[in-house]
C-alpha atoms as a PDB file:
ATOM      1  CA  MET A   1     -67.088 291.899   4.387  1.00  0.00           C
ATOM      2  CA  THR A   2     -63.526 292.371   5.603  1.00  0.00           C
ATOM      3  CA  ALA A   3     -62.954 295.211   3.095  1.00  0.00           C
ATOM      4  CA  THR A   4     -66.122 296.954   4.285  1.00  0.00           C
ATOM      5  CA  THR A   5     -65.035 296.604   7.914  1.00  0.00           C
ATOM      6  CA  ASN A   6     -61.616 298.030   7.125  1.00  0.00           C
ATOM      7  CA  THR A   7     -63.168 300.960   5.265  1.00  0.00           C
ATOM      8  CA  LEU A   8     -65.482 301.731   8.183  1.00  0.00           C
ATOM      9  CA  ALA A   9     -62.590 301.505  10.622  1.00  0.00           C
ATOM     10  CA  THR A  10     -60.497 303.857   8.486  1.00  0.00           C
ATOM     11  CA  ALA A  11     -63.364 306.369   8.233  1.00  0.00           C
ATOM     12  CA  SER A  12     -63.987 306.156  11.965  1.00  0.00           C
ATOM     13  CA  GLY A  13     -60.300 306.723  12.677  1.00  0.00           C
ATOM     14  CA  ALA A  14     -60.182 309.725  10.342  1.00  0.00           C
ATOM     15  CA  ALA A  15     -63.257 311.228  12.002  1.00  0.00           C
ATOM     16  CA  THR A  16     -61.752 310.713  15.447  1.00  0.00           C
ATOM     17  CA  ALA A  17     -58.490 312.321  14.340  1.00  0.00           C
ATOM     18  CA  LEU A  18     -60.397 315.271  12.851  1.00  0.00           C
ATOM     19  CA  ARG A  19     -62.353 315.799  16.079  1.00  0.00           C
ATOM     20  CA  GLY A  20     -59.140 315.617  18.080  1.00  0.00           C
ATOM     21  CA  ASN A  21     -57.476 318.155  15.790  1.00  0.00           C
ATOM     22  CA  ARG A  22     -60.436 320.515  16.155  1.00  0.00           C
ATOM     23  CA  ARG A  23     -60.316 320.197  19.943  1.00  0.00           C
ATOM     24  CA  ARG A  24     -56.583 320.956  19.973  1.00  0.00           C
ATOM     25  CA  ARG A  25     -57.058 323.986  17.739  1.00  0.00           C
ATOM     26  CA  ALA A  26     -59.945 325.254  19.867  1.00  0.00           C
ATOM     27  CA  GLY A  27     -57.924 324.694  23.044  1.00  0.00           C
ATOM     28  CA  ARG A  28     -54.896 326.555  21.697  1.00  0.00           C
ATOM     29  CA  SER A  29     -57.081 329.392  20.426  1.00  0.00           C
ATOM     30  CA  LEU A  30     -58.737 329.719  23.842  1.00  0.00           C
ATOM     31  CA  LEU A  31     -55.390 329.598  25.654  1.00  0.00           C
ATOM     32  CA  VAL A  32     -53.751 332.206  23.389  1.00  0.00           C
ATOM     33  CA  THR A  33     -56.766 334.504  23.522  1.00  0.00           C
ATOM     34  CA  GLY A  34     -56.873 334.260  27.319  1.00  0.00           C
ATOM     35  CA  ALA A  35     -53.157 335.048  27.585  1.00  0.00           C
ATOM     36  CA  LEU A  36     -53.602 338.045  25.293  1.00  0.00           C
ATOM     37  CA  VAL A  37     -56.513 339.322  27.400  1.00  0.00           C
ATOM     38  CA  VAL A  38     -54.315 339.176  30.511  1.00  0.00           C
ATOM     39  CA  THR A  39     -51.431 340.898  28.683  1.00  0.00           C
ATOM     40  CA  VAL A  40     -53.631 343.704  27.377  1.00  0.00           C
ATOM     41  CA  ALA A  41     -55.227 344.215  30.794  1.00  0.00           C
ATOM     42  CA  ALA A  42     -51.784 344.426  32.423  1.00  0.00           C
ATOM     43  CA  LEU A  43     -50.553 346.946  29.834  1.00  0.00           C
ATOM     44  CA  PHE A  44     -53.769 348.961  30.233  1.00  0.00           C
ATOM     45  CA  VAL A  45     -53.219 349.250  33.990  1.00  0.00           C
ATOM     46  CA  LEU A  46     -49.482 349.884  33.593  1.00  0.00           C
ATOM     47  CA  THR A  47     -50.193 352.797  31.250  1.00  0.00           C
ATOM     48  CA  MET A  48     -52.082 354.504  34.078  1.00  0.00           C
ATOM     49  CA  MET A  49     -49.479 353.664  36.730  1.00  0.00           C
ATOM     50  CA  VAL A  50     -46.401 355.343  35.272  1.00  0.00           C
ATOM     51  CA  GLY A  51     -45.665 359.033  34.920  1.00  0.00           C
ATOM     52  CA  SER A  52     -44.406 361.922  37.005  1.00  0.00           C
ATOM     53  CA  PHE A  53     -46.897 360.876  39.702  1.00  0.00           C
ATOM     54  CA  ARG A  54     -46.572 357.103  40.150  1.00  0.00           C
ATOM     55  CA  ILE A  55     -49.584 355.135  41.325  1.00  0.00           C
ATOM     56  CA  GLY A  56     -49.880 351.513  42.433  1.00  0.00           C
ATOM     57  CA  ALA A  57     -51.810 348.950  40.416  1.00  0.00           C
ATOM     58  CA  GLY A  58     -54.375 348.480  43.169  1.00  0.00           C
ATOM     59  CA  GLU A  59     -55.064 352.207  43.349  1.00  0.00           C
ATOM     60  CA  VAL A  60     -55.460 352.408  39.567  1.00  0.00           C
ATOM     61  CA  ILE A  61     -57.925 349.506  39.457  1.00  0.00           C
ATOM     62  CA  ALA A  62     -59.893 350.871  42.423  1.00  0.00           C
ATOM     63  CA  SER A  63     -60.096 354.328  40.839  1.00  0.00           C
ATOM     64  CA  VAL A  64     -61.164 353.051  37.408  1.00  0.00           C
ATOM     65  CA  LEU A  65     -63.843 350.811  38.928  1.00  0.00           C
ATOM     66  CA  HIS A  66     -64.956 353.557  41.367  1.00  0.00           C
ATOM     67  CA  LEU A  67     -64.132 351.345  44.347  1.00  0.00           C
ATOM     68  CA  SER A  68     -62.373 354.098  46.300  1.00  0.00           C
ATOM     69  CA  ASP A  69     -62.654 357.828  46.890  1.00  0.00           C
ATOM     70  CA  ASN A  70     -59.235 359.458  46.632  1.00  0.00           C
ATOM     71  CA  PRO A  71     -59.547 362.836  44.874  1.00  0.00           C
ATOM     72  CA  SER A  72     -55.868 363.194  43.932  1.00  0.00           C
ATOM     73  CA  VAL A  73     -55.592 359.645  42.548  1.00  0.00           C
ATOM     74  CA  ASP A  74     -58.971 359.882  40.808  1.00  0.00           C
ATOM     75  CA  PHE A  75     -57.964 363.133  39.105  1.00  0.00           C
ATOM     76  CA  VAL A  76     -54.718 361.663  37.748  1.00  0.00           C
ATOM     77  CA  VAL A  77     -56.201 358.300  36.757  1.00  0.00           C
ATOM     78  CA  ARG A  78     -59.664 359.192  35.467  1.00  0.00           C
ATOM     79  CA  GLY A  79     -59.014 362.741  34.361  1.00  0.00           C
ATOM     80  CA  LEU A  80     -55.534 362.497  32.829  1.00  0.00           C
ATOM     81  CA  ARG A  81     -54.476 358.929  32.088  1.00  0.00           C
ATOM     82  CA  LEU A  82     -57.634 356.887  31.517  1.00  0.00           C
ATOM     83  CA  PRO A  83     -58.657 358.700  28.282  1.00  0.00           C
ATOM     84  CA  THR A  84     -55.234 358.030  26.709  1.00  0.00           C
ATOM     85  CA  ALA A  85     -55.147 354.414  27.878  1.00  0.00           C
ATOM     86  CA  ALA A  86     -58.710 353.809  26.680  1.00  0.00           C
ATOM     87  CA  SER A  87     -57.869 355.412  23.337  1.00  0.00           C
ATOM     88  CA  ALA A  88     -54.821 353.177  22.863  1.00  0.00           C
ATOM     89  CA  LEU A  89     -56.867 350.109  23.835  1.00  0.00           C
ATOM     90  CA  THR A  90     -59.835 350.769  21.563  1.00  0.00           C
ATOM     91  CA  VAL A  91     -57.831 352.049  18.585  1.00  0.00           C
ATOM     92  CA  GLY A  92     -55.528 349.016  18.844  1.00  0.00           C
ATOM     93  CA  LEU A  93     -58.495 346.643  18.932  1.00  0.00           C
ATOM     94  CA  ALA A  94     -60.042 348.303  15.885  1.00  0.00           C
ATOM     95  CA  LEU A  95     -56.803 348.362  13.869  1.00  0.00           C
ATOM     96  CA  GLY A  96     -55.907 344.765  14.723  1.00  0.00           C
ATOM     97  CA  ALA A  97     -59.337 343.429  13.764  1.00  0.00           C
ATOM     98  CA  SER A  98     -59.607 345.469  10.560  1.00  0.00           C
ATOM     99  CA  GLY A  99     -56.081 344.581   9.440  1.00  0.00           C
ATOM    100  CA  THR A 100     -56.555 340.832   9.728  1.00  0.00           C
ATOM    101  CA  ILE A 101     -59.937 341.024   7.964  1.00  0.00           C
ATOM    102  CA  PHE A 102     -58.332 342.851   5.033  1.00  0.00           C
ATOM    103  CA  GLN A 103     -55.477 340.349   4.840  1.00  0.00           C
ATOM    104  CA  GLN A 104     -57.767 337.319   4.933  1.00  0.00           C
ATOM    105  CA  VAL A 105     -60.429 338.646   2.555  1.00  0.00           C
ATOM    106  CA  LEU A 106     -57.854 339.835  -0.005  1.00  0.00           C
ATOM    107  CA  ARG A 107     -55.572 336.824   0.678  1.00  0.00           C
ATOM    108  CA  ASN A 108     -52.404 338.919   0.862  1.00  0.00           C
ATOM    109  CA  PRO A 109     -50.228 339.704   3.919  1.00  0.00           C
ATOM    110  CA  LEU A 110     -49.566 343.185   2.497  1.00  0.00           C
ATOM    111  CA  ALA A 111     -53.274 344.030   2.348  1.00  0.00           C
ATOM    112  CA  SER A 112     -53.513 346.599   5.105  1.00  0.00           C
ATOM    113  CA  PRO A 113     -55.583 349.796   5.413  1.00  0.00           C
ATOM    114  CA  ASP A 114     -52.241 351.627   5.680  1.00  0.00           C
ATOM    115  CA  PHE A 115     -51.353 350.799   2.075  1.00  0.00           C
ATOM    116  CA  VAL A 116     -54.620 350.564   0.161  1.00  0.00           C
ATOM    117  CA  GLY A 117     -55.679 354.205   0.426  1.00  0.00           C
ATOM    118  CA  ILE A 118     -58.140 354.186   3.315  1.00  0.00           C
ATOM    119  CA  THR A 119     -55.952 356.062   5.786  1.00  0.00           C
ATOM    120  CA  SER A 120     -54.791 358.314   2.932  1.00  0.00           C
ATOM    121  CA  GLY A 121     -58.406 359.281   2.285  1.00  0.00           C
ATOM    122  CA  ALA A 122     -58.844 360.080   5.963  1.00  0.00           C
ATOM    123  CA  GLY A 123     -55.614 362.077   5.940  1.00  0.00           C
ATOM    124  CA  LEU A 124     -56.612 364.171   2.923  1.00  0.00           C
ATOM    125  CA  ALA A 125     -60.027 365.011   4.397  1.00  0.00           C
ATOM    126  CA  ALA A 126     -58.570 365.866   7.828  1.00  0.00           C
ATOM    127  CA  VAL A 127     -55.695 367.982   6.474  1.00  0.00           C
ATOM    128  CA  SER A 128     -58.055 369.822   4.122  1.00  0.00           C
ATOM    129  CA  GLY A 129     -60.293 370.603   7.083  1.00  0.00           C
ATOM    130  CA  ILE A 130     -57.386 371.870   9.187  1.00  0.00           C
ATOM    131  CA  VAL A 131     -55.809 373.991   6.434  1.00  0.00           C
ATOM    132  CA  LEU A 132     -58.755 375.169   4.366  1.00  0.00           C
ATOM    133  CA  LEU A 133     -61.536 375.323   6.965  1.00  0.00           C
ATOM    134  CA  GLN A 134     -59.442 375.988  10.110  1.00  0.00           C
ATOM    135  CA  ALA A 135     -61.287 373.050  11.668  1.00  0.00           C
ATOM    136  CA  SER A 136     -60.265 371.271  14.853  1.00  0.00           C
ATOM    137  CA  GLY A 137     -61.425 368.655  17.314  1.00  0.00           C
ATOM    138  CA  LEU A 138     -64.568 366.730  16.471  1.00  0.00           C
ATOM    139  CA  VAL A 139     -64.914 368.347  13.031  1.00  0.00           C
ATOM    140  CA  VAL A 140     -61.490 366.999  11.966  1.00  0.00           C
ATOM    141  CA  SER A 141     -62.425 363.551  13.232  1.00  0.00           C
ATOM    142  CA  GLY A 142     -65.704 363.643  11.319  1.00  0.00           C
ATOM    143  CA  LEU A 143     -63.914 364.677   8.137  1.00  0.00           C
ATOM    144  CA  ALA A 144     -61.374 361.866   8.602  1.00  0.00           C
ATOM    145  CA  LEU A 145     -64.168 359.337   9.074  1.00  0.00           C
ATOM    146  CA  GLY A 146     -65.940 360.497   5.928  1.00  0.00           C
ATOM    147  CA  GLY A 147     -62.706 360.598   3.919  1.00  0.00           C
ATOM    148  CA  ALA A 148     -61.803 357.028   4.855  1.00  0.00           C
ATOM    149  CA  ILE A 149     -65.227 355.681   3.922  1.00  0.00           C
ATOM    150  CA  LEU A 150     -65.300 357.582   0.604  1.00  0.00           C
ATOM    151  CA  ALA A 151     -61.806 356.327  -0.300  1.00  0.00           C
ATOM    152  CA  ALA A 152     -62.874 352.736   0.441  1.00  0.00           C
ATOM    153  CA  LEU A 153     -66.015 353.106  -1.701  1.00  0.00           C
ATOM    154  CA  LEU A 154     -63.946 354.600  -4.544  1.00  0.00           C
ATOM    155  CA  MET A 155     -61.520 351.673  -4.489  1.00  0.00           C
ATOM    156  CA  TYR A 156     -64.307 349.095  -4.356  1.00  0.00           C
ATOM    157  CA  VAL A 157     -65.999 350.652  -7.398  1.00  0.00           C
ATOM    158  CA  LEU A 158     -62.738 350.917  -9.339  1.00  0.00           C
ATOM    159  CA  ALA A 159     -61.773 347.322  -8.472  1.00  0.00           C
ATOM    160  CA  TRP A 160     -65.154 345.841  -9.494  1.00  0.00           C
ATOM    161  CA  ARG A 161     -65.017 343.595 -12.569  1.00  0.00           C
ATOM    162  CA  ASP A 162     -67.836 341.058 -12.120  1.00  0.00           C
ATOM    163  CA  GLY A 163     -66.580 340.839  -8.552  1.00  0.00           C
ATOM    164  CA  VAL A 164     -63.582 342.088  -6.611  1.00  0.00           C
ATOM    165  CA  SER A 165     -60.268 340.235  -6.680  1.00  0.00           C
ATOM    166  CA  GLY A 166     -57.725 340.844  -3.932  1.00  0.00           C
ATOM    167  CA  TYR A 167     -54.834 341.480  -6.305  1.00  0.00           C
ATOM    168  CA  ARG A 168     -56.723 344.143  -8.296  1.00  0.00           C
ATOM    169  CA  PHE A 169     -58.086 345.786  -5.134  1.00  0.00           C
ATOM    170  CA  ILE A 170     -54.585 346.084  -3.659  1.00  0.00           C
ATOM    171  CA  LEU A 171     -53.049 347.520  -6.846  1.00  0.00           C
ATOM    172  CA  ILE A 172     -55.839 350.072  -7.220  1.00  0.00           C
ATOM    173  CA  GLY A 173     -55.606 350.865  -3.511  1.00  0.00           C
ATOM    174  CA  ILE A 174     -51.877 351.560  -3.751  1.00  0.00           C
ATOM    175  CA  GLY A 175     -52.469 353.829  -6.744  1.00  0.00           C
ATOM    176  CA  VAL A 176     -55.264 355.698  -4.962  1.00  0.00           C
ATOM    177  CA  ALA A 177     -53.072 356.045  -1.850  1.00  0.00           C
ATOM    178  CA  VAL A 178     -50.215 357.591  -3.850  1.00  0.00           C
ATOM    179  CA  PHE A 179     -52.625 360.013  -5.553  1.00  0.00           C
ATOM    180  CA  LEU A 180     -54.256 361.050  -2.262  1.00  0.00           C
ATOM    181  CA  ASP A 181     -50.882 361.433  -0.524  1.00  0.00           C
ATOM    182  CA  GLY A 182     -49.839 363.772  -3.349  1.00  0.00           C
ATOM    183  CA  LEU A 183     -52.952 365.857  -2.731  1.00  0.00           C
ATOM    184  CA  VAL A 184     -52.122 365.953   0.981  1.00  0.00           C
ATOM    185  CA  GLY A 185     -48.691 367.323   0.126  1.00  0.00           C
ATOM    186  CA  TYR A 186     -50.239 369.987  -2.105  1.00  0.00           C
ATOM    187  CA  VAL A 187     -52.700 371.075   0.600  1.00  0.00           C
ATOM    188  CA  LEU A 188     -49.833 371.352   3.092  1.00  0.00           C
ATOM    189  CA  THR A 189     -48.004 373.731   0.760  1.00  0.00           C
ATOM    190  CA  ARG A 190     -50.970 376.115   1.061  1.00  0.00           C
ATOM    191  CA  ALA A 191     -50.929 376.039   4.873  1.00  0.00           C
ATOM    192  CA  GLN A 192     -49.670 378.583   7.362  1.00  0.00           C
ATOM    193  CA  LEU A 193     -46.938 377.435   9.736  1.00  0.00           C
ATOM    194  CA  PHE A 194     -49.302 376.752  12.652  1.00  0.00           C
ATOM    195  CA  GLU A 195     -51.778 374.891  10.452  1.00  0.00           C
ATOM    196  CA  ALA A 196     -49.020 372.808   8.850  1.00  0.00           C
ATOM    197  CA  ARG A 197     -47.660 371.874  12.278  1.00  0.00           C
ATOM    198  CA  GLN A 198     -51.136 370.878  13.473  1.00  0.00           C
ATOM    199  CA  ALA A 199     -51.745 368.848  10.315  1.00  0.00           C
ATOM    200  CA  MET A 200     -48.385 367.044  10.529  1.00  0.00           C
ATOM    201  CA  HIS A 201     -49.020 366.159  14.179  1.00  0.00           C
ATOM    202  CA  TRP A 202     -52.381 364.670  13.200  1.00  0.00           C
ATOM    203  CA  LEU A 203     -50.849 362.770  10.269  1.00  0.00           C
ATOM    204  CA  THR A 204     -48.221 361.220  12.561  1.00  0.00           C
ATOM    205  CA  GLY A 205     -50.906 359.681  14.762  1.00  0.00           C
ATOM    206  CA  SER A 206     -51.224 359.880  18.526  1.00  0.00           C
ATOM    207  CA  VAL A 207     -53.581 358.208  20.968  1.00  0.00           C
ATOM    208  CA  GLY A 208     -53.593 361.246  23.248  1.00  0.00           C
ATOM    209  CA  GLN A 209     -55.554 363.567  20.952  1.00  0.00           C
ATOM    210  CA  ALA A 210     -59.042 362.040  21.125  1.00  0.00           C
ATOM    211  CA  SER A 211     -62.008 363.759  22.765  1.00  0.00           C
ATOM    212  CA  SER A 212     -64.457 361.880  24.954  1.00  0.00           C
ATOM    213  CA  THR A 213     -67.127 362.049  22.226  1.00  0.00           C
ATOM    214  CA  GLU A 214     -64.855 360.430  19.634  1.00  0.00           C
ATOM    215  CA  LEU A 215     -63.801 357.783  22.119  1.00  0.00           C
ATOM    216  CA  ARG A 216     -67.375 356.899  23.055  1.00  0.00           C
ATOM    217  CA  LEU A 217     -68.233 356.569  19.359  1.00  0.00           C
ATOM    218  CA  LEU A 218     -65.360 354.142  18.799  1.00  0.00           C
ATOM    219  CA  VAL A 219     -66.257 352.116  21.905  1.00  0.00           C
ATOM    220  CA  GLY A 220     -69.858 351.838  20.703  1.00  0.00           C
ATOM    221  CA  ALA A 221     -68.710 350.737  17.261  1.00  0.00           C
ATOM    222  CA  LEU A 222     -66.421 348.086  18.760  1.00  0.00           C
ATOM    223  CA  VAL A 223     -69.216 346.724  20.932  1.00  0.00           C
ATOM    224  CA  VAL A 224     -71.357 346.248  17.813  1.00  0.00           C
ATOM    225  CA  LEU A 225     -68.837 345.465  15.063  1.00  0.00           C
ATOM    226  CA  LEU A 226     -66.378 343.121  16.796  1.00  0.00           C
ATOM    227  CA  PRO A 227     -69.110 340.511  17.502  1.00  0.00           C
ATOM    228  CA  VAL A 228     -70.314 340.981  13.906  1.00  0.00           C
ATOM    229  CA  ALA A 229     -66.774 340.333  12.651  1.00  0.00           C
ATOM    230  CA  VAL A 230     -66.540 337.191  14.791  1.00  0.00           C
ATOM    231  CA  LEU A 231     -69.881 335.960  13.409  1.00  0.00           C
ATOM    232  CA  LEU A 232     -68.513 336.535   9.899  1.00  0.00           C
ATOM    233  CA  GLN A 233     -65.469 334.375  10.678  1.00  0.00           C
ATOM    234  CA  ARG A 234     -66.894 331.315   8.921  1.00  0.00           C
ATOM    235  CA  PRO A 235     -67.535 333.026   5.538  1.00  0.00           C
ATOM    236  CA  LEU A 236     -64.135 334.673   5.958  1.00  0.00           C
ATOM    237  CA  GLN A 237     -62.481 331.261   6.246  1.00  0.00           C
ATOM    238  CA  ALA A 238     -64.401 330.109   3.166  1.00  0.00           C
ATOM    239  CA  LEU A 239     -63.218 333.135   1.173  1.00  0.00           C
ATOM    240  CA  GLU A 240     -59.607 332.305   2.067  1.00  0.00           C
ATOM    241  CA  LEU A 241     -59.995 329.071   0.082  1.00  0.00           C
ATOM    242  CA  GLY A 242     -60.863 331.018  -3.080  1.00  0.00           C
ATOM    243  CA  ASP A 243     -64.158 332.103  -4.634  1.00  0.00           C
ATOM    244  CA  ASP A 244     -64.916 328.769  -6.322  1.00  0.00           C
ATOM    245  CA  ALA A 245     -64.370 326.788  -3.137  1.00  0.00           C
ATOM    246  CA  ALA A 246     -66.389 329.340  -1.144  1.00  0.00           C
ATOM    247  CA  ARG A 247     -69.340 328.992  -3.545  1.00  0.00           C
ATOM    248  CA  THR A 248     -69.113 325.209  -3.288  1.00  0.00           C
ATOM    249  CA  LEU A 249     -69.398 325.564   0.501  1.00  0.00           C
ATOM    250  CA  GLY A 250     -72.527 327.636   0.058  1.00  0.00           C
ATOM    251  CA  SER A 251     -71.031 331.067   0.728  1.00  0.00           C
ATOM    252  CA  ARG A 252     -72.345 334.093  -1.170  1.00  0.00           C
ATOM    253  CA  THR A 253     -68.897 335.376  -2.020  1.00  0.00           C
ATOM    254  CA  GLU A 254     -69.487 338.986  -3.046  1.00  0.00           C
ATOM    255  CA  LEU A 255     -72.013 339.630  -0.290  1.00  0.00           C
ATOM    256  CA  SER A 256     -69.681 338.102   2.293  1.00  0.00           C
ATOM    257  CA  ARG A 257     -66.698 340.043   0.939  1.00  0.00           C
ATOM    258  CA  ALA A 258     -68.611 343.324   0.918  1.00  0.00           C
ATOM    259  CA  GLY A 259     -69.879 342.762   4.467  1.00  0.00           C
ATOM    260  CA  LEU A 260     -66.435 341.893   5.799  1.00  0.00           C
ATOM    261  CA  LEU A 261     -64.689 344.766   4.029  1.00  0.00           C
ATOM    262  CA  GLY A 262     -67.441 347.167   5.138  1.00  0.00           C
ATOM    263  CA  THR A 263     -66.985 346.097   8.763  1.00  0.00           C
ATOM    264  CA  ALA A 264     -63.207 346.502   8.511  1.00  0.00           C
ATOM    265  CA  VAL A 265     -63.493 349.902   6.804  1.00  0.00           C
ATOM    266  CA  VAL A 266     -65.793 351.308   9.492  1.00  0.00           C
ATOM    267  CA  LEU A 267     -63.461 350.043  12.235  1.00  0.00           C
ATOM    268  CA  VAL A 268     -60.317 351.533  10.697  1.00  0.00           C
ATOM    269  CA  ALA A 269     -62.121 354.775   9.758  1.00  0.00           C
ATOM    270  CA  LEU A 270     -63.243 355.303  13.350  1.00  0.00           C
ATOM    271  CA  ALA A 271     -59.773 354.411  14.651  1.00  0.00           C
ATOM    272  CA  VAL A 272     -58.162 356.968  12.324  1.00  0.00           C
ATOM    273  CA  ALA A 273     -60.767 359.560  13.315  1.00  0.00           C
ATOM    274  CA  VAL A 274     -59.827 359.066  16.981  1.00  0.00           C
ATOM    275  CA  ALA A 275     -56.034 358.820  16.807  1.00  0.00           C
ATOM    276  CA  GLY A 276     -54.933 359.766  13.288  1.00  0.00           C
ATOM    277  CA  PRO A 277     -53.334 357.342  10.792  1.00  0.00           C
ATOM    278  CA  ILE A 278     -51.134 355.273  13.109  1.00  0.00           C
ATOM    279  CA  ALA A 279     -49.001 353.150  10.800  1.00  0.00           C
ATOM    280  CA  PHE A 280     -48.237 349.415  10.740  1.00  0.00           C
ATOM    281  CA  VAL A 281     -50.412 348.205  13.651  1.00  0.00           C
ATOM    282  CA  ALA A 282     -53.068 346.881  11.259  1.00  0.00           C
ATOM    283  CA  LEU A 283     -50.336 345.313   9.114  1.00  0.00           C
ATOM    284  CA  VAL A 284     -48.522 343.339  11.808  1.00  0.00           C
ATOM    285  CA  ALA A 285     -51.297 342.397  14.263  1.00  0.00           C
ATOM    286  CA  GLY A 286     -52.762 339.584  12.136  1.00  0.00           C
ATOM    287  CA  PRO A 287     -49.454 337.817  11.303  1.00  0.00           C
ATOM    288  CA  ILE A 288     -48.334 337.993  14.943  1.00  0.00           C
ATOM    289  CA  ALA A 289     -51.665 336.537  16.093  1.00  0.00           C
ATOM    290  CA  ASN A 290     -51.370 333.745  13.516  1.00  0.00           C
ATOM    291  CA  ARG A 291     -47.886 332.862  14.787  1.00  0.00           C
ATOM    292  CA  LEU A 292     -49.252 332.622  18.314  1.00  0.00           C
ATOM    293  CA  LEU A 293     -52.336 330.623  17.276  1.00  0.00           C
ATOM    294  CA  GLY A 294     -50.383 328.111  15.183  1.00  0.00           C
ATOM    295  CA  PRO A 295     -52.820 325.744  13.420  1.00  0.00           C
ATOM    296  CA  ALA A 296     -55.794 327.773  14.684  1.00  0.00           C
ATOM    297  CA  THR A 297     -54.907 330.763  12.474  1.00  0.00           C
ATOM    298  CA  GLY A 298     -57.259 333.538  11.416  1.00  0.00           C
ATOM    299  CA  GLY A 299     -58.753 334.462  14.790  1.00  0.00           C
ATOM    300  CA  ILE A 300     -60.156 337.994  14.670  1.00  0.00           C
ATOM    301  CA  PRO A 301     -60.333 338.410  18.500  1.00  0.00           C
ATOM    302  CA  ALA A 302     -56.682 337.370  18.851  1.00  0.00           C
ATOM    303  CA  ALA A 303     -55.583 339.821  16.144  1.00  0.00           C
ATOM    304  CA  ALA A 304     -57.592 342.615  17.781  1.00  0.00           C
ATOM    305  CA  LEU A 305     -55.944 341.912  21.147  1.00  0.00           C
ATOM    306  CA  VAL A 306     -52.486 341.861  19.549  1.00  0.00           C
ATOM    307  CA  GLY A 307     -53.252 345.257  18.012  1.00  0.00           C
ATOM    308  CA  ALA A 308     -54.260 346.615  21.423  1.00  0.00           C
ATOM    309  CA  ALA A 309     -51.109 345.207  23.060  1.00  0.00           C
ATOM    310  CA  LEU A 310     -48.905 346.719  20.335  1.00  0.00           C
ATOM    311  CA  LEU A 311     -50.460 350.164  20.607  1.00  0.00           C
ATOM    312  CA  LEU A 312     -50.423 350.228  24.407  1.00  0.00           C
ATOM    313  CA  SER A 313     -46.746 349.192  24.345  1.00  0.00           C
ATOM    314  CA  ALA A 314     -45.909 351.772  21.677  1.00  0.00           C
ATOM    315  CA  ASP A 315     -47.571 354.515  23.715  1.00  0.00           C
ATOM    316  CA  LEU A 316     -45.599 353.513  26.818  1.00  0.00           C
ATOM    317  CA  VAL A 317     -42.356 353.676  24.837  1.00  0.00           C
ATOM    318  CA  ALA A 318     -43.243 356.949  23.108  1.00  0.00           C
ATOM    319  CA  VAL A 319     -44.210 358.778  26.284  1.00  0.00           C
ATOM    320  CA  HIS A 320     -42.093 357.254  29.061  1.00  0.00           C
ATOM    321  CA  LEU A 321     -39.004 355.500  27.663  1.00  0.00           C
ATOM    322  CA  LEU A 322     -37.682 358.014  25.135  1.00  0.00           C
ATOM    323  CA  PRO A 323     -35.695 361.129  26.115  1.00  0.00           C
ATOM    324  CA  THR A 324     -38.425 363.335  24.627  1.00  0.00           C
ATOM    325  CA  PRO A 325     -42.097 362.270  24.461  1.00  0.00           C
ATOM    326  CA  LEU A 326     -43.144 361.594  20.877  1.00  0.00           C
ATOM    327  CA  PRO A 327     -46.420 360.813  19.080  1.00  0.00           C
ATOM    328  CA  THR A 328     -47.304 357.121  19.165  1.00  0.00           C
ATOM    329  CA  GLY A 329     -47.126 356.842  15.378  1.00  0.00           C
ATOM    330  CA  VAL A 330     -43.382 357.561  15.426  1.00  0.00           C
ATOM    331  CA  VAL A 331     -42.725 354.398  17.462  1.00  0.00           C
ATOM    332  CA  THR A 332     -45.065 352.177  15.439  1.00  0.00           C
ATOM    333  CA  GLY A 333     -43.462 353.449  12.238  1.00  0.00           C
ATOM    334  CA  ALA A 334     -39.940 352.779  13.505  1.00  0.00           C
ATOM    335  CA  VAL A 335     -40.871 349.219  14.477  1.00  0.00           C
ATOM    336  CA  GLY A 336     -43.139 348.493  11.516  1.00  0.00           C
ATOM    337  CA  ALA A 337     -40.838 349.614   8.693  1.00  0.00           C
ATOM    338  CA  PRO A 338     -38.240 346.814   9.228  1.00  0.00           C
ATOM    339  CA  TYR A 339     -41.087 344.296   9.473  1.00  0.00           C
ATOM    340  CA  LEU A 340     -42.461 345.510   6.133  1.00  0.00           C
ATOM    341  CA  LEU A 341     -39.043 345.083   4.486  1.00  0.00           C
ATOM    342  CA  TRP A 342     -38.779 341.554   5.884  1.00  0.00           C
ATOM    343  CA  LEU A 343     -42.306 340.730   4.727  1.00  0.00           C
ATOM    344  CA  LEU A 344     -41.609 342.005   1.213  1.00  0.00           C
ATOM    345  CA  ALA A 345     -38.433 339.923   1.013  1.00  0.00           C
ATOM    346  CA  THR A 346     -39.985 336.703   2.313  1.00  0.00           C
ATOM    347  CA  THR A 347     -43.206 336.894   0.255  1.00  0.00           C
ATOM    348  CA  ASN A 348     -41.159 337.505  -2.880  1.00  0.00           C
ATOM    349  CA  ARG A 349     -38.956 334.423  -2.206  1.00  0.00           C
ATOM    350  CA  GLN A 350     -42.054 332.308  -1.593  1.00  0.00           C
ATOM    351  CA  GLY A 351     -43.628 333.454  -4.867  1.00  0.00           C
ATOM    352  CA  ALA A 352     -46.507 335.103  -3.034  1.00  0.00           C
ATOM    353  CA  GLY A 353     -45.555 338.619  -3.667  1.00  0.00           C
ATOM    354  CA  GLY A 354     -47.028 338.948  -7.118  1.00  0.00           C
END
């Protein structure tokens, strides 16, 4: 009788501790996500405040929300600065969410759309359109979208061996990326000077080159796909434990993996179509969000918000803090390259680098 009582007490204590741990994780996740929302909102407003014509925060908010009627302020805010700020916000959200999905599904911190051929596919299609078809604007964006999706489908087919393993997908993705980048270089050698300059500007990535149609398409996709990604969070957490454990928990592994990767591919393809292949945001957003979340790691909304904060900050630096305004991708590349070197060194020491 005493042994039974002790066992019940131990089980009750473990259950209470588990519930307390879940509450703490949920509380920290809510707190971090709320802080990130405030940070992103502040950066979004700040992006529209600074420039040759400075505007106060109250005027910016009133103009964006149509709460005032000031033609000069409305022209600067809505006509000139809001499209760039909205592009940085939405592209950052898409890159942050897609990057963390890739890293969690493939169980590798180096698994990013930047390195597994998806952005390379978009780049090849866009550069081919610019050089060979003299395309511009929405046509280039459509080609980039199609190129990214085709590259992702190619890698999924090549990586399939009674399922898709993260290690094989990443290796094939790196090989496909190198091959596609070589084709991009060849196409550029056939370009005229103006076309090559236009193509290189697109390949660098900039949030200021999107049209309103492209931006509306990305906003619509985010409204649909971000909630879908959040709903898929539970099978994503199961997949992180490994396929056998995921099946034990009742998850249909390949269907879940395909759905998650498909959602991430569409998000990153639309982001690249809007702003070009902006490097490293998808790579670093997830790890930064996990550091902030602590035990409550793996939050897709937090990673998306980190991506938005990074891209808004990079655009502020690129346009307003450097002696000469530069494309946003230059700043993200300069910041992301040292992080990649650090990540390669640390994963190799931990035996996680393959």
